[in-house]
Amino acid sequence: MASFSTSARVLPVLSLHPKRNLSIITSSPSSVHFSNTHLHSLKIRHKSLGLSSFEPGGFVVCSASNNYFSVDEQMKEKQSSEEPYEVKNSMWNWRGYSIRYQYSGSTGPALVLVHGFGANSDCDALTAIYSDHWRKNIMVLAKSHRVYSIDLIGYGYSDKPNPRDFFDKPFYTFETWASQLNDFCKDVVKDQAFFICNSIGGLVGLQAAVMEPEICRGMILLNISLRMLHIKKQPWYGRPLIRSFQNLLRNTAAGKLFYKMVATSESVRNILCQCYNDTSQVTEELVEKILQPGLETGAADVFLEFICYSGGPLPEELLPQVKCPVLIAWGDKDPWEPIELGRAYGNFDSVEDFIVLPNVGHCPQDEAPHLVNPLVESFVTRHATPPASVSAASLYSSN
């Protein structure tokens, strides 16, 4: 059997059997766990070992000098060459509003992919991150899952009711989006589901799981927003200034002017080049997919409402309340949500692991699907068997 040396010790190259779990144990407290269903689905429990190469024929090479989860170029080529599953578009009526979603796959556990939003913690802006941002994931995951991606109300091609129509009662809140997500599972998915969430979408998933814990079977948070501009995270003397700035944007022409400057191809491209470490992924197709929904009627009002939303829950408030298993993965080159701050979220009891994605920015699902898709498959495989006390059929048979 072949072998190689790493950090002054020798590790064997192990041939894997698809029906077995294997771990490589070193002299340090580290192990690499391989899923018993998909050879390319894996989990790194401790980061002192990393996967340096993978070959679908059954050989895995582990290197103690690599601190990150990675998959080799051969795996990327294999994934991109596989026959894609058809992705369909549909509309769902929610409380009188038209909600757009995409779906693919007919068997396996249900996954609901929840997009990020139109701003980051520095008040730079993307006009609309929405369900098409999962275009590199849904077709791959649909091979063994029922996959749905949804445009939350106010974003993408879903309706965008004017927030002023609700008078002094905020409409675009995490409670609103969480209710939409849970109702979507009951009305459309008709089953419990795993939530796969990016950025601010992670707050939506967490809030949904807190509000109706029987619906979410497990959750993956990709670079969850830390909400650094939340009012609770500001010094007392800075809070009046923040509120004044928000009022300026919402109630004067300055806000619309600001949005007009942001909602251009050049601005969207520049912002994407900030949040993608690999800027070659920022294609004209991606720019247009993100820009076009932001040019629809009502998009500016929703955008301004959201960037003035400095209240609501924080992830550190929601994570202790979540009953389902949570996995956090983080692109280590995220300029908006620094991984140094994000690591602390791996310490919550509900979080089973914190995975570092090397050389990846704020949107791992689009920039590095070859890393994210296997993580999703492995996580779902581990948690796909429902508790004996929960019957999905009884929960949703009346809908």
Protein backbone atom coordinates (compact mmCIF):
# COMPACT_ATOMS: atom_id res chain seq x y z
CA MET A 1 0.00 0.00 0.00
CA ALA A 2 1.38 3.38 -0.95
CA SER A 3 2.26 5.94 1.71
CA PHE A 4 3.63 9.44 2.07
CA SER A 5 5.11 11.59 4.78
CA THR A 6 3.51 14.68 6.27
CA SER A 7 4.88 16.67 9.19
CA ALA A 8 7.42 13.96 10.06
CA ARG A 9 4.87 11.17 10.24
CA VAL A 10 3.61 8.65 7.68
CA LEU A 11 -0.07 8.14 6.89
CA PRO A 12 -1.39 5.35 4.65
CA VAL A 13 -3.42 5.95 1.54
CA LEU A 14 -6.67 4.15 2.33
CA SER A 15 -9.01 2.55 -0.18
CA LEU A 16 -12.58 3.41 0.80
CA HIS A 17 -15.61 1.16 0.58
CA PRO A 18 -18.89 3.04 -0.06
CA LYS A 19 -20.72 1.16 2.72
CA ARG A 20 -18.21 1.80 5.48
CA ASN A 21 -17.19 4.65 7.74
CA LEU A 22 -13.44 5.10 8.09
CA SER A 23 -11.39 7.49 10.17
CA ILE A 24 -7.71 8.27 10.04
CA ILE A 25 -6.43 8.87 13.53
CA THR A 26 -3.09 10.59 13.98
CA SER A 27 -0.94 11.20 17.03
CA SER A 28 -2.70 14.55 17.39
CA PRO A 29 -6.41 14.72 18.38
CA SER A 30 -7.60 14.89 14.78
CA SER A 31 -9.68 12.75 12.48
CA VAL A 32 -11.28 12.81 9.08
CA HIS A 33 -14.73 11.19 8.86
CA PHE A 34 -16.03 9.91 5.54
CA SER A 35 -19.76 9.57 4.93
CA ASN A 36 -21.11 6.10 4.29
CA THR A 37 -23.24 7.18 1.34
CA HIS A 38 -21.24 9.41 -0.98
CA LEU A 39 -17.51 9.04 -1.35
CA HIS A 40 -17.23 12.76 -2.02
CA SER A 41 -19.30 13.63 1.05
CA LEU A 42 -17.13 14.16 4.07
CA LYS A 43 -16.73 15.98 7.32
CA ILE A 44 -13.63 17.28 9.02
CA ARG A 45 -14.09 17.23 12.77
CA HIS A 46 -10.77 18.83 13.63
CA LYS A 47 -8.93 21.22 11.40
CA SER A 48 -5.37 19.99 11.90
CA LEU A 49 -5.98 17.56 9.04
CA GLY A 50 -7.33 18.45 5.64
CA LEU A 51 -8.21 16.64 2.45
CA SER A 52 -5.52 17.43 -0.10
CA SER A 53 -6.82 15.27 -2.93
CA PHE A 54 -9.74 13.02 -3.76
CA GLU A 55 -10.15 10.42 -6.46
CA PRO A 56 -13.62 8.93 -7.10
CA GLY A 57 -12.02 5.56 -7.81
CA GLY A 58 -11.61 5.06 -4.08
CA PHE A 59 -8.38 6.66 -2.86
CA VAL A 60 -8.06 9.51 -0.42
CA VAL A 61 -4.85 11.30 0.49
CA CYS A 62 -4.73 13.24 3.76
CA SER A 63 -2.21 15.91 4.56
CA ALA A 64 -1.53 17.22 8.06
CA SER A 65 -0.03 20.37 6.60
CA ASN A 66 -3.34 21.50 5.08
CA ASN A 67 -5.75 23.12 7.55
CA TYR A 68 -8.74 23.31 5.26
CA PHE A 69 -11.50 21.33 3.58
CA SER A 70 -10.82 21.00 -0.13
CA VAL A 71 -11.65 18.88 -3.15
CA ASP A 72 -9.26 18.44 -6.04
CA GLU A 73 -9.69 19.61 -9.61
CA GLN A 74 -10.68 16.13 -10.76
CA MET A 75 -13.75 16.33 -8.53
CA LYS A 76 -14.67 19.73 -10.00
CA GLU A 77 -14.44 18.32 -13.53
CA LYS A 78 -16.51 15.25 -12.59
CA GLN A 79 -19.23 17.41 -11.06
CA SER A 80 -19.39 19.81 -14.01
CA SER A 81 -19.57 16.96 -16.54
CA GLU A 82 -22.52 15.21 -14.92
CA GLU A 83 -25.89 15.42 -16.62
CA PRO A 84 -27.77 18.37 -15.05
CA TYR A 85 -31.25 18.02 -13.64
CA GLU A 86 -33.97 20.25 -15.03
CA VAL A 87 -34.76 23.29 -12.88
CA LYS A 88 -38.35 24.52 -13.07
CA ASN A 89 -39.78 27.90 -12.12
CA SER A 90 -43.11 28.30 -10.42
CA MET A 91 -45.19 30.83 -8.47
CA TRP A 92 -46.84 30.40 -5.08
CA ASN A 93 -49.56 32.58 -3.61
CA TRP A 94 -48.66 33.57 -0.06
CA ARG A 95 -51.08 35.82 1.81
CA GLY A 96 -52.19 37.31 -1.49
CA TYR A 97 -48.65 37.91 -2.77
CA SER A 98 -47.00 36.16 -5.69
CA ILE A 99 -43.83 34.33 -4.63
CA ARG A 100 -41.43 32.89 -7.16
CA TYR A 101 -39.48 29.70 -6.47
CA GLN A 102 -37.42 27.13 -8.33
CA TYR A 103 -37.38 23.39 -7.81
CA SER A 104 -35.74 20.23 -9.05
CA GLY A 105 -35.47 16.57 -8.05
CA SER A 106 -38.21 14.09 -7.18
CA THR A 107 -36.78 11.84 -4.47
CA GLY A 108 -34.90 12.10 -1.21
CA PRO A 109 -34.99 14.60 1.65
CA ALA A 110 -36.29 18.11 0.98
CA LEU A 111 -33.85 21.02 0.89
CA VAL A 112 -34.87 24.69 0.89
CA LEU A 113 -32.15 27.10 -0.22
CA VAL A 114 -32.43 30.58 1.31
CA HIS A 115 -30.63 33.45 -0.37
CA GLY A 116 -28.87 36.46 1.09
CA PHE A 117 -30.09 40.02 0.85
CA GLY A 118 -29.41 43.43 -0.63
CA ALA A 119 -26.82 44.82 1.76
CA ASN A 120 -23.85 43.92 3.89
CA SER A 121 -22.58 45.15 7.21
CA ASP A 122 -20.68 48.03 5.63
CA CYS A 123 -23.77 49.39 3.85
CA ASP A 124 -22.32 48.52 0.47
CA ALA A 125 -25.18 47.08 -1.55
CA LEU A 126 -26.17 44.38 -3.95
CA THR A 127 -29.43 45.23 -5.59
CA ALA A 128 -30.89 41.76 -5.11
CA ILE A 129 -29.33 38.46 -4.19
CA TYR A 130 -32.08 35.91 -4.80
CA SER A 131 -32.78 32.27 -5.60
CA ASP A 132 -30.82 32.20 -8.88
CA HIS A 133 -27.71 32.59 -6.74
CA TRP A 134 -28.08 28.84 -6.08
CA ARG A 135 -27.90 27.94 -9.78
CA LYS A 136 -24.68 25.93 -9.29
CA ASN A 137 -26.13 23.91 -6.44
CA ILE A 138 -29.70 23.02 -7.21
CA MET A 139 -29.01 20.81 -10.25
CA VAL A 140 -26.27 18.85 -8.46
CA LEU A 141 -28.19 18.40 -5.21
CA ALA A 142 -31.33 17.36 -7.12
CA LYS A 143 -29.71 14.02 -7.98
CA SER A 144 -30.63 12.69 -4.54
CA HIS A 145 -32.81 15.40 -2.99
CA ARG A 146 -35.95 17.41 -3.60
CA VAL A 147 -34.50 20.90 -3.87
CA TYR A 148 -36.32 24.23 -3.67
CA SER A 149 -34.96 27.75 -3.80
CA ILE A 150 -37.26 30.62 -2.95
CA ASP A 151 -37.32 34.36 -3.61
CA LEU A 152 -38.25 35.84 -0.26
CA ILE A 153 -40.91 38.52 -0.46
CA GLY A 154 -39.43 41.82 -1.59
CA TYR A 155 -36.57 40.18 -3.50
CA GLY A 156 -35.89 38.54 -6.82
CA TYR A 157 -39.06 37.98 -8.82
CA SER A 158 -41.41 37.79 -5.86
CA ASP A 159 -43.85 40.63 -5.16
CA LYS A 160 -42.45 43.75 -3.55
CA PRO A 161 -45.18 45.44 -1.55
CA ASN A 162 -44.42 49.01 -0.58
CA PRO A 163 -43.34 49.07 3.08
CA ARG A 164 -45.20 52.38 3.56
CA ASP A 165 -48.48 50.57 2.94
CA PHE A 166 -48.09 48.99 6.38
CA PHE A 167 -47.92 52.39 8.10
CA ASP A 168 -45.81 52.24 11.26
CA LYS A 169 -45.71 48.44 11.45
CA PRO A 170 -42.48 47.04 9.91
CA PHE A 171 -43.16 44.48 7.19
CA TYR A 172 -39.71 43.44 5.97
CA THR A 173 -38.53 41.70 9.13
CA PHE A 174 -37.03 38.33 9.93
CA GLU A 175 -40.34 37.28 11.45
CA THR A 176 -42.09 37.99 8.12
CA TRP A 177 -39.52 36.06 6.08
CA ALA A 178 -39.41 33.21 8.61
CA SER A 179 -43.19 32.86 8.45
CA GLN A 180 -42.96 32.78 4.66
CA LEU A 181 -40.29 30.07 4.80
CA ASN A 182 -42.28 27.89 7.20
CA ASP A 183 -45.50 28.32 5.22
CA PHE A 184 -43.61 27.41 2.05
CA CYS A 185 -42.57 24.11 3.62
CA LYS A 186 -46.17 23.39 4.64
CA ASP A 187 -47.90 24.51 1.44
CA VAL A 188 -45.41 23.67 -1.33
CA VAL A 189 -42.80 21.24 0.01
CA LYS A 190 -45.42 19.49 2.18
CA ASP A 191 -42.69 18.04 4.31
CA GLN A 192 -40.03 18.83 6.82
CA ALA A 193 -36.93 20.28 5.20
CA PHE A 194 -33.28 21.08 5.62
CA PHE A 195 -32.51 24.80 5.32
CA ILE A 196 -29.36 25.81 3.44
CA CYS A 197 -28.81 29.52 4.04
CA ASN A 198 -26.35 32.22 3.00
CA SER A 199 -25.62 35.54 4.69
CA ILE A 200 -28.73 37.29 6.04
CA GLY A 201 -30.71 34.29 4.84
CA GLY A 202 -29.17 32.46 7.79
CA LEU A 203 -31.09 34.73 10.17
CA VAL A 204 -34.28 33.84 8.29
CA GLY A 205 -33.57 30.12 8.66
CA LEU A 206 -32.76 30.44 12.35
CA GLN A 207 -35.84 32.54 13.04
CA ALA A 208 -38.02 30.03 11.16
CA ALA A 209 -36.56 27.13 13.14
CA VAL A 210 -37.23 28.95 16.42
CA MET A 211 -40.82 29.83 15.47
CA GLU A 212 -41.80 26.33 14.26
CA PRO A 213 -39.10 23.86 15.30
CA GLU A 214 -40.99 20.83 13.97
CA ILE A 215 -40.38 21.94 10.36
CA CYS A 216 -36.60 22.30 10.10
CA ARG A 217 -34.66 19.02 10.21
CA GLY A 218 -31.26 20.67 10.12
CA MET A 219 -29.54 23.77 8.86
CA ILE A 220 -26.32 24.80 7.11
CA LEU A 221 -25.29 28.43 7.55
CA LEU A 222 -22.88 29.77 4.93
CA ASN A 223 -21.14 32.98 6.06
CA ILE A 224 -24.09 34.04 8.18
CA SER A 225 -24.45 37.78 8.63
CA LEU A 226 -23.13 39.02 11.95
CA ARG A 227 -25.31 42.14 11.68
CA MET A 228 -22.53 44.47 12.77
CA LEU A 229 -24.75 47.51 12.24
CA HIS A 230 -27.43 46.19 14.59
CA ILE A 231 -28.45 48.88 17.03
CA LYS A 232 -27.38 46.71 19.98
CA LYS A 233 -23.84 46.54 18.63
CA GLN A 234 -23.44 50.30 18.42
CA PRO A 235 -22.22 52.55 21.25
CA TRP A 236 -25.00 54.54 22.88
CA TYR A 237 -23.62 57.82 21.56
CA GLY A 238 -23.65 56.56 17.97
CA ARG A 239 -27.24 55.35 17.91
CA PRO A 240 -28.87 58.77 17.27
CA LEU A 241 -26.55 59.27 14.30
CA ILE A 242 -27.50 55.90 12.84
CA ARG A 243 -31.21 56.66 13.19
CA SER A 244 -30.74 60.06 11.53
CA PHE A 245 -28.93 58.47 8.60
CA GLN A 246 -31.67 55.86 8.23
CA ASN A 247 -34.37 58.55 8.23
CA LEU A 248 -32.44 60.45 5.57
CA LEU A 249 -32.37 57.41 3.30
CA ARG A 250 -35.97 56.38 3.86
CA ASN A 251 -37.70 59.74 3.86
CA THR A 252 -35.81 61.96 1.42
CA ALA A 253 -34.74 61.88 -2.21
CA ALA A 254 -31.23 61.00 -1.04
CA GLY A 255 -32.24 57.36 -0.64
CA LYS A 256 -33.55 57.00 -4.18
CA LEU A 257 -30.46 58.75 -5.52
CA PHE A 258 -28.25 56.36 -3.58
CA TYR A 259 -30.15 53.37 -4.95
CA LYS A 260 -29.93 54.72 -8.49
CA MET A 261 -26.15 54.87 -8.13
CA VAL A 262 -26.03 51.30 -6.82
CA ALA A 263 -28.39 49.68 -9.31
CA THR A 264 -25.99 49.70 -12.26
CA SER A 265 -23.98 46.94 -13.87
CA GLU A 266 -20.72 48.64 -12.92
CA SER A 267 -21.66 49.00 -9.26
CA VAL A 268 -22.94 45.45 -8.97
CA ARG A 269 -19.78 44.14 -10.63
CA ASN A 270 -17.56 46.14 -8.26
CA ILE A 271 -19.43 44.93 -5.20
CA LEU A 272 -19.34 41.32 -6.35
CA CYS A 273 -15.60 41.62 -6.87
CA GLN A 274 -15.37 42.60 -3.21
CA CYS A 275 -17.29 39.61 -1.88
CA TYR A 276 -15.85 37.01 -4.31
CA ASN A 277 -12.25 36.10 -3.65
CA ASP A 278 -12.04 34.50 -7.10
CA THR A 279 -13.13 37.44 -9.22
CA SER A 280 -13.13 35.30 -12.36
CA GLN A 281 -16.46 33.99 -11.04
CA VAL A 282 -17.95 37.46 -11.45
CA THR A 283 -19.25 36.99 -14.98
CA GLU A 284 -21.54 39.22 -17.00
CA GLU A 285 -24.23 36.56 -16.57
CA LEU A 286 -23.98 36.78 -12.77
CA VAL A 287 -24.03 40.58 -12.83
CA GLU A 288 -27.18 40.65 -14.95
CA LYS A 289 -28.93 37.94 -12.92
CA ILE A 290 -28.43 39.99 -9.77
CA LEU A 291 -29.15 43.37 -11.33
CA GLN A 292 -32.34 42.70 -13.27
CA PRO A 293 -34.71 42.00 -10.34
CA GLY A 294 -33.36 45.13 -8.68
CA LEU A 295 -34.70 47.21 -11.55
CA GLU A 296 -38.27 46.07 -10.98
CA THR A 297 -40.92 48.39 -9.57
CA GLY A 298 -40.71 48.53 -5.79
CA ALA A 299 -37.17 47.18 -5.49
CA ALA A 300 -35.74 50.51 -4.38
CA ASP A 301 -38.26 50.88 -1.54
CA VAL A 302 -37.54 47.36 -0.29
CA PHE A 303 -33.80 47.94 -0.46
CA LEU A 304 -33.97 51.18 1.49
CA GLU A 305 -36.27 49.62 4.06
CA PHE A 306 -33.87 46.76 4.63
CA ILE A 307 -30.68 48.78 5.05
CA CYS A 308 -32.56 50.86 7.62
CA TYR A 309 -33.54 47.71 9.52
CA SER A 310 -31.13 47.71 12.45
CA GLY A 311 -33.37 45.88 14.92
CA GLY A 312 -34.63 42.31 15.05
CA PRO A 313 -32.74 39.21 16.20
CA LEU A 314 -29.01 38.54 16.20
CA PRO A 315 -27.56 35.12 15.35
CA GLU A 316 -26.12 34.77 18.84
CA GLU A 317 -29.63 35.23 20.23
CA LEU A 318 -31.24 32.66 17.95
CA LEU A 319 -28.65 29.86 17.95
CA PRO A 320 -29.22 28.89 21.61
CA GLN A 321 -32.94 28.48 20.89
CA VAL A 322 -32.58 26.20 17.85
CA LYS A 323 -33.35 22.53 18.43
CA CYS A 324 -32.16 21.11 15.10
CA PRO A 325 -28.51 20.35 14.22
CA VAL A 326 -26.58 23.24 12.67
CA LEU A 327 -23.41 23.24 10.60
CA ILE A 328 -21.57 26.50 9.91
CA ALA A 329 -19.25 26.90 6.92
CA TRP A 330 -17.28 30.07 6.31
CA GLY A 331 -15.28 31.39 3.38
CA ASP A 332 -12.06 32.61 4.96
CA LYS A 333 -11.66 35.54 2.53
CA ASP A 334 -14.99 37.17 3.35
CA PRO A 335 -14.31 40.93 3.63
CA TRP A 336 -17.75 41.70 5.10
CA GLU A 337 -18.18 39.00 7.73
CA PRO A 338 -14.65 38.27 9.02
CA ILE A 339 -13.98 34.66 9.87
CA GLU A 340 -12.13 35.78 13.01
CA LEU A 341 -15.49 36.91 14.38
CA GLY A 342 -17.44 34.06 12.84
CA ARG A 343 -15.47 31.32 14.61
CA ALA A 344 -17.16 32.15 17.91
CA TYR A 345 -20.47 30.87 16.50
CA GLY A 346 -19.03 27.38 16.34
CA ASN A 347 -19.09 27.23 20.14
CA PHE A 348 -22.88 27.06 20.50
CA ASP A 349 -24.29 23.70 21.58
CA SER A 350 -26.55 23.53 18.53
CA VAL A 351 -23.58 23.86 16.15
CA GLU A 352 -22.05 20.48 15.41
CA ASP A 353 -19.12 21.80 13.40
CA PHE A 354 -17.47 24.91 11.98
CA ILE A 355 -15.89 24.34 8.56
CA VAL A 356 -13.36 26.72 7.01
CA LEU A 357 -13.62 27.10 3.22
CA PRO A 358 -10.20 28.25 1.97
CA ASN A 359 -9.79 31.14 -0.45
CA VAL A 360 -13.53 31.73 -0.66
CA GLY A 361 -15.47 34.93 -0.09
CA HIS A 362 -18.94 35.82 1.16
CA CYS A 363 -21.01 33.61 -1.19
CA PRO A 364 -19.50 30.11 -1.05
CA GLN A 365 -22.45 28.40 -2.74
CA ASP A 366 -21.76 30.29 -5.96
CA GLU A 367 -18.02 30.82 -5.77
CA ALA A 368 -17.10 27.33 -4.57
CA PRO A 369 -19.98 24.89 -5.24
CA HIS A 370 -17.44 22.04 -5.41
CA LEU A 371 -16.91 22.58 -1.67
CA VAL A 372 -20.47 23.42 -0.64
CA ASN A 373 -22.39 20.70 -2.46
CA PRO A 374 -20.51 17.77 -0.83
CA LEU A 375 -20.91 19.44 2.57
CA VAL A 376 -24.66 19.65 2.04
CA GLU A 377 -24.91 16.04 0.89
CA SER A 378 -22.88 14.76 3.83
CA PHE A 379 -24.81 16.80 6.41
CA VAL A 380 -28.19 15.73 5.07
CA THR A 381 -27.15 12.08 4.93
CA ARG A 382 -26.19 12.18 8.61
CA HIS A 383 -29.49 13.71 9.71
CA ALA A 384 -31.98 12.38 7.16
CA THR A 385 -33.69 9.85 9.43
CA PRO A 386 -36.51 11.67 11.25
CA PRO A 387 -37.07 11.13 14.97
CA ALA A 388 -39.56 8.35 15.71
CA SER A 389 -41.82 10.82 17.51
CA VAL A 390 -42.20 13.05 14.46
CA SER A 391 -44.41 12.13 11.53
CA ALA A 392 -44.01 14.44 8.55
CA ALA A 393 -47.09 12.87 6.94
CA SER A 394 -49.26 13.78 9.91
CA LEU A 395 -47.84 17.30 10.01
CA TYR A 396 -48.65 18.15 6.43
CA SER A 397 -51.39 15.76 5.33
CA SER A 398 -54.06 18.38 5.96
CA ASN A 399 -52.46 20.93 3.60
